[in-house]
Amino acid sequence: MSNQTCSLCFSFDLVSNGGVAVALRFERAPFITQEHTLWLPWGRFFVMDTIVMRHEVNDIPSCDLSSFTRPMPIVLPAPLTAGNIVPEIQ
């Protein structure tokens, strides 16, 4: 990766027995998850192509609620009708 210029570059080594298929899953927030299945040859080094992870751009639609009236509830206390009641011990 010495020829590339990026603000966030990572590299890593992975050791495995050859002659098998390996499924790799690349995850890192806020990028889109990528999955790659590779066939690793027996007794040889394998260099994988560079993986470029991209941001997911979501244009979430917004709702304009300015034309709706907001409810203004009136809260009134209920009268106590059972005589001398102490609210702390009910």
Foldseek 3Di string as FASTA:
>chain_A
DVPDDDPDDDDDDDDDAAQDKDWDWDDDPPWDIDIDIDHGHHPDDDDDDDDDTDGDDDPDDDDDPPVPDDDDDDDDDDDDDPPDDDVVPD
